[in-house]
Amino acid sequence: MARSVTYGSLLCHFLSFIGLSLLYQGLVVAQAYLAEKTAWRATNALRIDLTRHCLQLGMSFHNARTPGELIERIDGDVAALANFFSQFAIIIVANCLLLLGVLIALFWEDWRIGLPILGFVLFAFRTTVYIHVLSLPYWPAARESFARLMGFLEERLAATEDIRANGATAYMMLGLYRHLRDRLHTLFRAYMMMVATFSTSLGLMSLGNALALGIGAYLFHLGAISIGTVYLIFHYTRLLIQPLEFLMLELIDLQKATASIARIEELFAFPSEAAPASALTLPPGGLSVEFQNVTFRYPVETTDLTLQDVSFYLEPGEVLGLVGRTGSGKTTLTRLIARLYDPTSGRIKLGGVDIGQVDRVSLRRQIGLVTQDVQLFQSTLRDNLTFFDHDIPDERILEALRSLGLGGWYLSRPLS
C-alpha cells in the first residue's frame, strides 16, 4: 500500500510538472502573440499617419527626396520600432522585478552582502547608460545611409531603359558601389558601438562574479556565514546578471529605436499644406482662368525665374495651346493652377476666386490635371482609371471610355 502511495505521489508530481511546463509555454506563446499584435497595430497606425502626412507635404519637399528614401522612413524606421516595442515593456518590467527580488533576498540574508551587491548593480547600470549615450549618434547615421541607398536603387531601377540605352550601366554600378561603401562604413561604426555595449556587459558579469566570491570568502573567513551561504551569494549574483544582461540587450535595441524615432519626428516636423484660415470654395460648373502678373521660381538654390510677370485670361470653355522650348514654363503653369506650387508673386484666379485662399483638397476636386508622365499601377484597369476610388460606378467609367473612343478597345479586353 505504501509503495502504491509512493508511485501515486510520484505520478502526481510528474503530471504537475508537465502541466506547469505546458502552462508556462502557453503563457510565453500568448505573451509573444499579444505583444507582437499590439506592437504591429500601433506601428501600422503610425505608417498610415506618416503616409498621410507625406501626401500632404508640398512638392518642394518631395523634389528634394527620393521615393526610396521615404519608403525607408515609413517602413524601415517604423519596423524597427515594432521589433523594439513588442518586447520592451515586458522584458523591462519582468527583469526589474527579478532584480528587486534578488536584492531583497541578499539584504535579508545579511546587509554586508546586499549593500556591496547593490553598489555593483548601480555601477553596472550607470556604466551601461554611459555607453548607450556614446552610441546614440551612430545609429541615425546608419539608417540615413540605408535610406540613401534605397533612394539610389529606386531611381536607377525606374530608369533601367535609359541607363542601358545610353551605356551608363558601369556608371550606375559605380554609384551603387559608393553607396554600399558608405553603408558599410556607417553600419560598421554602429555595430562596433553595439559590440562595445555587449563587451561591457560581459566585463560587468565577470566583475559581479568576482565580487560575489570575494564577499562570500571574506564573510566565511570571519565565520559569519556557512559554505552553503557562500554558494547562495554566488548563485543570487548570477541571477542578478541575467536581468542586467537582458536590460543591456534592450538598451542596444533602444539605440536603434531612438534613431528611428528621431527620423520619424523629423519627418513629422515638416509642415503640411494647411488650408487657409478662411478657406473659400470655387463656384460650380466651368471656371475662368486668370493669371495676374505671376512670377515663379522653383524652391532650389538658383536665381533663375521659370515664369516672369505672366498675365492672361481665359473664359470658361476656352482652349489655350502653349508652345515653347523645354524648360520655358509650360508645365509649370499647370502645376501652379493645381497649387502643387504657389507663385513667388502675383495671383491666380479660377472662376474669379484667388486660389491662394482655396483649400487644396477642395481645389483639386474641381480641376483635372493630365501630366506628360504615364503612371500605371500594379492593379486592375478599374483601379487605374479611378485611382482606387470604389465609389465611382461602372456606368460612369464606361461612359468616359466611350467618350474617348475607347469603348471598342475596352470590349476587346479579356474579362479576367
Protein backbone atom coordinates (compact mmCIF):
# COMPACT_ATOMS: atom_id res chain seq x y z
CA MET A 1 0.00 0.00 0.00
CA ALA A 2 2.86 2.37 0.89
CA ARG A 3 4.55 1.60 -2.42
CA SER A 4 1.36 2.38 -4.34
CA VAL A 5 1.07 5.68 -2.49
CA THR A 6 4.68 6.48 -3.36
CA TYR A 7 4.12 5.70 -7.03
CA GLY A 8 0.88 7.70 -6.98
CA SER A 9 2.70 10.65 -5.39
CA LEU A 10 5.46 10.48 -7.99
CA LEU A 11 2.91 10.31 -10.78
CA CYS A 12 1.08 13.29 -9.32
CA HIS A 13 4.32 15.29 -9.12
CA PHE A 14 5.22 14.25 -12.67
CA LEU A 15 1.85 15.30 -14.05
CA SER A 16 2.00 18.56 -12.10
CA PHE A 17 5.44 19.28 -13.54
CA ILE A 18 4.25 18.56 -17.07
CA GLY A 19 1.14 20.66 -16.55
CA LEU A 20 3.08 23.64 -15.18
CA SER A 21 5.60 23.35 -18.04
CA LEU A 22 2.82 23.36 -20.62
CA LEU A 23 1.14 26.27 -18.85
CA TYR A 24 4.42 28.19 -18.86
CA GLN A 25 4.95 27.56 -22.55
CA GLY A 26 1.36 28.57 -23.27
CA LEU A 27 1.82 31.82 -21.35
CA VAL A 28 5.04 32.51 -23.27
CA VAL A 29 3.27 31.97 -26.60
CA ALA A 30 0.29 34.11 -25.52
CA GLN A 31 2.60 36.87 -24.30
CA ALA A 32 4.55 36.87 -27.59
CA TYR A 33 1.33 36.88 -29.64
CA LEU A 34 -0.27 39.74 -27.71
CA ALA A 35 2.96 41.76 -27.66
CA GLU A 36 3.54 41.39 -31.41
CA LYS A 37 -0.11 42.09 -32.21
CA THR A 38 -0.15 45.25 -30.08
CA ALA A 39 3.18 46.47 -31.47
CA TRP A 40 2.23 45.95 -35.11
CA ARG A 41 -1.19 47.53 -34.67
CA ALA A 42 0.42 50.63 -33.20
CA THR A 43 3.17 50.82 -35.80
CA ASN A 44 0.79 50.19 -38.71
CA ALA A 45 -1.26 53.12 -37.46
CA LEU A 46 1.97 55.13 -37.42
CA ARG A 47 2.69 54.08 -41.02
CA ILE A 48 -0.74 55.34 -42.05
CA ASP A 49 -0.17 58.67 -40.28
CA LEU A 50 3.27 59.08 -41.87
CA THR A 51 1.97 58.25 -45.35
CA ARG A 52 -0.94 60.67 -44.98
CA HIS A 53 1.46 63.38 -43.75
CA CYS A 54 3.84 62.82 -46.69
CA LEU A 55 0.96 63.10 -49.15
CA GLN A 56 0.09 66.49 -47.63
CA LEU A 57 3.61 67.87 -47.97
CA GLY A 58 4.49 70.30 -50.75
CA MET A 59 6.28 69.35 -53.96
CA SER A 60 9.43 71.14 -52.81
CA PHE A 61 9.74 68.51 -50.08
CA HIS A 62 9.23 65.59 -52.49
CA ASN A 63 11.57 67.03 -55.13
CA ALA A 64 14.37 67.09 -52.56
CA ARG A 65 13.86 63.42 -51.59
CA THR A 66 13.61 60.16 -53.49
CA PRO A 67 10.65 57.78 -53.09
CA GLY A 68 13.09 55.12 -51.89
CA GLU A 69 14.20 57.34 -49.01
CA LEU A 70 10.60 57.96 -47.96
CA ILE A 71 9.80 54.24 -48.17
CA GLU A 72 12.69 53.52 -45.83
CA ARG A 73 11.43 56.17 -43.41
CA ILE A 74 7.83 54.98 -43.46
CA ASP A 75 8.53 51.24 -43.43
CA GLY A 76 12.11 50.62 -42.26
CA ASP A 77 12.17 53.03 -39.33
CA VAL A 78 8.69 52.04 -38.18
CA ALA A 79 9.57 48.32 -38.42
CA ALA A 80 12.50 48.96 -36.07
CA LEU A 81 10.02 50.40 -33.57
CA ALA A 82 7.75 47.37 -33.88
CA ASN A 83 10.61 44.99 -33.11
CA PHE A 84 11.54 47.10 -30.09
CA PHE A 85 8.15 47.82 -28.53
CA SER A 86 6.83 44.27 -28.94
CA GLN A 87 9.08 43.05 -26.10
CA PHE A 88 10.48 46.13 -24.39
CA ALA A 89 7.85 46.73 -21.68
CA ILE A 90 7.52 43.07 -20.67
CA ILE A 91 11.27 42.44 -20.57
CA ILE A 92 11.95 45.63 -18.61
CA VAL A 93 9.20 45.01 -16.02
CA ALA A 94 9.95 41.30 -15.58
CA ASN A 95 13.70 41.75 -15.19
CA CYS A 96 13.36 44.76 -12.89
CA LEU A 97 11.11 42.67 -10.62
CA LEU A 98 13.67 39.84 -10.65
CA LEU A 99 16.44 42.34 -9.90
CA LEU A 100 14.50 43.79 -6.97
CA GLY A 101 13.63 40.36 -5.59
CA VAL A 102 17.25 39.18 -5.61
CA LEU A 103 18.45 42.35 -3.88
CA ILE A 104 15.79 41.99 -1.18
CA ALA A 105 16.85 38.35 -0.62
CA LEU A 106 20.50 39.36 -0.29
CA PHE A 107 19.72 42.15 2.18
CA TRP A 108 17.52 39.72 4.12
CA GLU A 109 20.45 37.32 4.39
CA ASP A 110 22.98 39.95 5.53
CA TRP A 111 23.26 43.68 4.90
CA ARG A 112 27.00 43.22 4.36
CA ILE A 113 26.08 41.13 1.33
CA GLY A 114 23.26 43.26 -0.03
CA LEU A 115 24.98 46.63 0.21
CA PRO A 116 28.04 45.92 -2.00
CA ILE A 117 25.90 43.99 -4.49
CA LEU A 118 23.52 46.98 -4.68
CA GLY A 119 26.54 49.21 -5.33
CA PHE A 120 27.61 46.86 -8.12
CA VAL A 121 24.13 47.00 -9.71
CA LEU A 122 24.12 50.82 -9.63
CA PHE A 123 27.64 50.93 -11.08
CA ALA A 124 26.69 48.48 -13.85
CA PHE A 125 23.58 50.47 -14.71
CA ARG A 126 25.48 53.78 -14.78
CA THR A 127 28.20 52.30 -16.99
CA THR A 128 25.66 50.85 -19.41
CA VAL A 129 23.78 54.14 -19.70
CA TYR A 130 27.07 55.94 -20.42
CA ILE A 131 27.92 53.51 -23.22
CA HIS A 132 24.38 53.92 -24.57
CA VAL A 133 24.74 57.70 -24.72
CA LEU A 134 28.05 57.33 -26.60
CA SER A 135 26.36 55.02 -29.13
CA LEU A 136 23.37 57.23 -29.90
CA PRO A 137 24.82 59.26 -32.84
CA TYR A 138 25.90 56.19 -34.81
CA TRP A 139 22.55 54.52 -35.48
CA PRO A 140 20.84 57.55 -37.07
CA ALA A 141 23.78 57.80 -39.49
CA ALA A 142 23.44 54.09 -40.32
CA ARG A 143 19.71 54.42 -41.02
CA GLU A 144 20.29 57.55 -43.11
CA SER A 145 22.88 55.76 -45.26
CA PHE A 146 20.40 52.94 -45.86
CA ALA A 147 17.74 55.47 -46.87
CA ARG A 148 20.15 56.99 -49.42
CA LEU A 149 20.92 53.51 -50.77
CA MET A 150 17.21 52.73 -51.15
CA GLY A 151 16.63 56.05 -52.90
CA PHE A 152 19.51 55.40 -55.31
CA LEU A 153 18.24 51.93 -56.18
CA GLU A 154 14.66 53.13 -56.67
CA GLU A 155 15.70 55.89 -59.06
CA ARG A 156 18.11 53.75 -61.09
CA LEU A 157 15.82 50.75 -61.38
CA ALA A 158 13.00 53.01 -62.58
CA ALA A 159 15.37 54.39 -65.24
CA THR A 160 16.71 50.99 -66.36
CA GLU A 161 15.72 51.56 -70.00
CA ASP A 162 17.50 54.93 -70.24
CA ILE A 163 20.58 53.65 -68.40
CA ARG A 164 21.00 50.69 -70.72
CA ALA A 165 20.19 52.67 -73.87
CA ASN A 166 22.89 55.25 -73.06
CA GLY A 167 25.54 52.74 -71.96
CA ALA A 168 25.56 54.06 -68.40
CA THR A 169 25.44 50.68 -66.66
CA ALA A 170 29.04 50.90 -65.46
CA TYR A 171 28.47 54.42 -64.13
CA MET A 172 25.36 53.23 -62.29
CA MET A 173 27.29 50.33 -60.74
CA LEU A 174 30.00 52.74 -59.60
CA GLY A 175 27.36 54.81 -57.84
CA LEU A 176 25.95 51.66 -56.23
CA TYR A 177 29.43 50.72 -55.02
CA ARG A 178 29.87 54.14 -53.41
CA HIS A 179 26.53 53.92 -51.62
CA LEU A 180 27.30 50.40 -50.42
CA ARG A 181 30.71 51.55 -49.19
CA ASP A 182 29.10 54.39 -47.27
CA ARG A 183 26.53 51.96 -45.87
CA LEU A 184 29.29 49.57 -44.79
CA HIS A 185 31.30 52.27 -43.00
CA THR A 186 28.36 53.76 -41.10
CA LEU A 187 26.95 50.34 -40.17
CA PHE A 188 30.40 49.15 -39.10
CA ARG A 189 30.76 52.07 -36.69
CA ALA A 190 27.27 51.49 -35.31
CA TYR A 191 27.87 47.79 -34.76
CA MET A 192 31.26 48.46 -33.17
CA MET A 193 29.46 50.56 -30.57
CA MET A 194 26.98 47.72 -30.13
CA VAL A 195 29.89 45.32 -29.59
CA ALA A 196 31.31 47.77 -27.06
CA THR A 197 27.99 47.68 -25.19
CA PHE A 198 27.93 43.87 -25.25
CA SER A 199 31.59 43.62 -24.21
CA THR A 200 30.86 45.94 -21.32
CA SER A 201 28.07 43.61 -20.21
CA LEU A 202 30.46 40.62 -20.29
CA GLY A 203 33.01 42.55 -18.25
CA LEU A 204 30.37 43.52 -15.72
CA MET A 205 29.29 39.88 -15.41
CA SER A 206 32.85 38.83 -14.60
CA LEU A 207 33.13 41.68 -12.11
CA GLY A 208 29.88 40.62 -10.45
CA ASN A 209 31.05 37.01 -10.11
CA ALA A 210 34.36 38.12 -8.63
CA LEU A 211 32.60 40.45 -6.17
CA ALA A 212 30.23 37.69 -5.05
CA LEU A 213 33.07 35.23 -4.46
CA GLY A 214 35.12 37.89 -2.67
CA ILE A 215 32.25 38.79 -0.31
CA GLY A 216 31.50 35.12 0.34
CA ALA A 217 35.13 34.27 1.05
CA TYR A 218 35.53 37.24 3.40
CA LEU A 219 32.41 36.51 5.44
CA PHE A 220 33.17 32.77 5.53
CA HIS A 221 36.67 33.55 6.81
CA LEU A 222 35.09 35.61 9.60
CA GLY A 223 32.80 32.70 10.42
CA ALA A 224 29.71 34.82 9.78
CA ILE A 225 28.26 32.51 7.12
CA SER A 226 28.43 28.88 6.11
CA ILE A 227 29.77 27.45 2.85
CA GLY A 228 26.17 27.00 1.76
CA THR A 229 25.56 30.73 2.15
CA VAL A 230 28.70 31.40 0.06
CA TYR A 231 27.13 29.38 -2.73
CA LEU A 232 23.85 31.22 -2.15
CA ILE A 233 25.57 34.60 -2.62
CA PHE A 234 27.25 33.42 -5.81
CA HIS A 235 24.01 31.92 -7.15
CA TYR A 236 21.97 35.05 -6.38
CA THR A 237 24.59 37.23 -8.02
CA ARG A 238 24.39 35.04 -11.10
CA LEU A 239 20.64 35.60 -11.04
CA LEU A 240 21.33 39.35 -10.96
CA ILE A 241 23.47 39.10 -14.08
CA GLN A 242 20.62 37.67 -16.16
CA PRO A 243 18.29 40.70 -15.80
CA LEU A 244 21.26 43.03 -16.25
CA GLU A 245 22.14 41.22 -19.48
CA PHE A 246 18.56 41.45 -20.75
CA LEU A 247 18.40 45.12 -19.84
CA MET A 248 21.65 45.76 -21.72
CA LEU A 249 20.33 43.95 -24.81
CA GLU A 250 17.21 46.09 -24.63
CA LEU A 251 19.41 49.18 -24.46
CA ILE A 252 21.10 48.04 -27.68
CA ASP A 253 17.67 47.79 -29.30
CA LEU A 254 16.84 51.17 -27.75
CA GLN A 255 19.77 52.67 -29.65
CA LYS A 256 18.23 51.54 -32.94
CA ALA A 257 14.72 52.58 -31.90
CA THR A 258 15.93 56.01 -30.77
CA ALA A 259 17.46 56.61 -34.20
CA SER A 260 14.19 55.61 -35.88
CA ILE A 261 12.12 57.80 -33.56
CA ALA A 262 14.34 60.82 -34.31
CA ARG A 263 13.96 60.29 -38.07
CA ILE A 264 10.18 59.84 -37.76
CA GLU A 265 9.90 63.02 -35.67
CA GLU A 266 11.99 64.86 -38.26
CA LEU A 267 9.55 63.78 -40.97
CA PHE A 268 6.52 64.84 -38.93
CA ALA A 269 8.19 68.22 -38.29
CA PHE A 270 7.84 69.26 -41.96
CA PRO A 271 4.77 71.49 -42.25
CA SER A 272 1.92 70.17 -44.39
CA GLU A 273 -0.12 72.10 -46.92
CA ALA A 274 -2.59 73.50 -44.40
CA ALA A 275 -5.82 75.10 -45.57
CA PRO A 276 -6.11 78.90 -45.25
CA ALA A 277 -7.79 80.16 -42.09
CA SER A 278 -10.76 81.47 -44.13
CA ALA A 279 -10.82 78.95 -46.97
CA LEU A 280 -13.03 79.84 -49.94
CA THR A 281 -14.71 77.46 -52.38
CA LEU A 282 -14.76 77.58 -56.16
CA PRO A 283 -18.08 78.20 -57.94
CA PRO A 284 -19.65 75.14 -59.62
CA GLY A 285 -19.51 74.50 -63.34
CA GLY A 286 -17.00 75.82 -65.86
CA LEU A 287 -14.32 78.11 -64.48
CA SER A 288 -12.46 81.03 -65.98
CA VAL A 289 -8.67 81.06 -65.62
CA GLU A 290 -6.80 84.27 -64.88
CA PHE A 291 -3.09 84.86 -64.26
CA GLN A 292 -2.22 88.32 -62.87
CA ASN A 293 1.47 89.23 -63.09
CA VAL A 294 2.58 85.77 -61.97
CA THR A 295 6.27 85.24 -61.31
CA PHE A 296 7.63 81.90 -60.15
CA ARG A 297 10.96 80.43 -59.13
CA TYR A 298 11.34 76.79 -58.11
CA PRO A 299 12.45 76.43 -54.47
CA VAL A 300 16.01 75.38 -55.23
CA GLU A 301 19.33 77.15 -54.93
CA THR A 302 19.11 79.17 -58.12
CA THR A 303 18.30 82.73 -59.11
CA ASP A 304 16.68 81.77 -62.44
CA LEU A 305 12.99 82.59 -62.85
CA THR A 306 10.83 79.97 -64.57
CA LEU A 307 7.96 82.44 -65.11
CA GLN A 308 8.17 86.23 -65.02
CA ASP A 309 5.22 88.63 -64.96
CA VAL A 310 2.80 86.28 -66.82
CA SER A 311 -0.76 87.55 -67.33
CA PHE A 312 -3.65 86.13 -69.36
CA TYR A 313 -7.39 85.46 -69.08
CA LEU A 314 -9.44 82.50 -70.38
CA GLU A 315 -13.22 82.37 -70.48
CA PRO A 316 -14.91 79.14 -69.28
CA GLY A 317 -14.67 76.55 -72.07
CA GLU A 318 -11.97 78.48 -73.95
CA VAL A 319 -8.92 76.47 -75.05
CA LEU A 320 -5.32 77.69 -74.85
CA GLY A 321 -2.38 75.96 -76.51
CA LEU A 322 1.15 76.77 -75.36
CA VAL A 323 4.24 76.14 -77.48
CA GLY A 324 7.78 76.62 -76.27
CA ARG A 325 11.14 75.02 -75.71
CA THR A 326 11.78 72.58 -72.88
CA GLY A 327 12.04 74.43 -69.58
CA SER A 328 10.15 77.51 -70.76
CA GLY A 329 7.42 77.03 -68.10
CA LYS A 330 4.55 75.28 -69.91
CA THR A 331 4.19 72.50 -67.34
CA THR A 332 4.81 74.97 -64.52
CA LEU A 333 1.62 76.85 -65.44
CA THR A 334 -0.49 73.73 -64.87
CA ARG A 335 1.33 72.97 -61.61
CA LEU A 336 0.53 76.45 -60.35
CA ILE A 337 -3.15 76.08 -61.25
CA ALA A 338 -3.31 72.82 -59.25
CA ARG A 339 -1.39 74.51 -56.41
CA LEU A 340 1.36 71.95 -56.48
CA TYR A 341 3.39 75.12 -56.01
CA ASP A 342 2.39 78.66 -55.09
CA PRO A 343 3.59 81.60 -57.22
CA THR A 344 6.51 83.66 -55.97
CA SER A 345 4.47 86.76 -56.70
CA GLY A 346 1.20 87.60 -58.47
CA ARG A 347 -2.20 85.95 -58.26
CA ILE A 348 -4.06 83.11 -60.00
CA LYS A 349 -7.86 83.10 -60.10
CA LEU A 350 -10.29 80.35 -61.05
CA GLY A 351 -13.87 81.48 -61.53
CA GLY A 352 -12.85 84.85 -60.10
CA VAL A 353 -11.61 83.29 -56.83
CA ASP A 354 -7.98 83.63 -55.75
CA ILE A 355 -6.80 80.00 -55.46
CA GLY A 356 -4.39 81.04 -52.71
CA GLN A 357 -7.47 81.29 -50.49
CA VAL A 358 -8.90 77.91 -51.55
CA ASP A 359 -8.24 74.67 -49.70
CA ARG A 360 -6.03 72.47 -51.88
CA VAL A 361 -8.24 69.40 -51.40
CA SER A 362 -11.34 71.34 -52.46
CA LEU A 363 -9.45 72.89 -55.39
CA ARG A 364 -8.23 69.57 -56.75
CA ARG A 365 -11.73 68.10 -56.64
CA GLN A 366 -12.85 70.63 -59.25
CA ILE A 367 -9.92 70.69 -61.64
CA GLY A 368 -8.20 67.95 -63.59
CA LEU A 369 -4.52 67.65 -64.42
CA VAL A 370 -3.15 65.22 -67.00
CA THR A 371 0.63 65.12 -66.85
CA GLN A 372 3.08 64.09 -69.54
CA ASP A 373 4.27 61.18 -67.38
CA VAL A 374 2.39 57.88 -67.73
CA GLN A 375 1.79 56.12 -64.41
CA LEU A 376 0.33 52.61 -64.37
CA PHE A 377 -0.32 50.90 -61.05
CA GLN A 378 0.08 47.18 -60.48
CA SER A 379 -3.66 46.67 -60.18
CA THR A 380 -6.85 46.30 -62.23
CA LEU A 381 -7.91 48.52 -65.13
CA ARG A 382 -10.70 49.91 -62.96
CA ASP A 383 -8.27 50.95 -60.20
CA ASN A 384 -6.01 52.67 -62.72
CA LEU A 385 -8.95 54.60 -64.18
CA THR A 386 -10.48 55.62 -60.84
CA PHE A 387 -7.32 55.96 -58.71
CA PHE A 388 -8.70 53.24 -56.41
CA ASP A 389 -11.95 55.11 -55.74
CA HIS A 390 -14.51 52.28 -55.39
CA ASP A 391 -17.41 54.73 -55.06
CA ILE A 392 -17.31 55.57 -58.79
CA PRO A 393 -19.97 53.47 -60.56
CA ASP A 394 -19.10 51.27 -63.55
CA GLU A 395 -21.53 53.19 -65.79
CA ARG A 396 -19.56 56.38 -65.33
CA ILE A 397 -16.30 54.62 -66.22
CA LEU A 398 -17.80 53.08 -69.35
CA GLU A 399 -19.25 56.44 -70.37
CA ALA A 400 -15.82 58.08 -70.03
CA LEU A 401 -14.20 55.32 -72.12
CA ARG A 402 -16.84 55.66 -74.87
CA SER A 403 -16.44 59.44 -74.94
CA LEU A 404 -12.71 58.96 -75.52
CA GLY A 405 -13.32 56.47 -78.32
CA LEU A 406 -12.00 53.57 -76.23
CA GLY A 407 -15.27 51.61 -75.93
CA GLY A 408 -14.25 49.07 -78.57
CA TRP A 409 -10.81 48.70 -77.02
CA TYR A 410 -12.37 48.02 -73.61
CA LEU A 411 -14.71 45.35 -75.02
CA SER A 412 -11.74 43.60 -76.61
CA ARG A 413 -10.05 43.18 -73.20
CA PRO A 414 -10.28 39.72 -71.57
CA LEU A 415 -12.77 39.51 -68.66
CA SER A 416 -10.08 38.37 -66.22
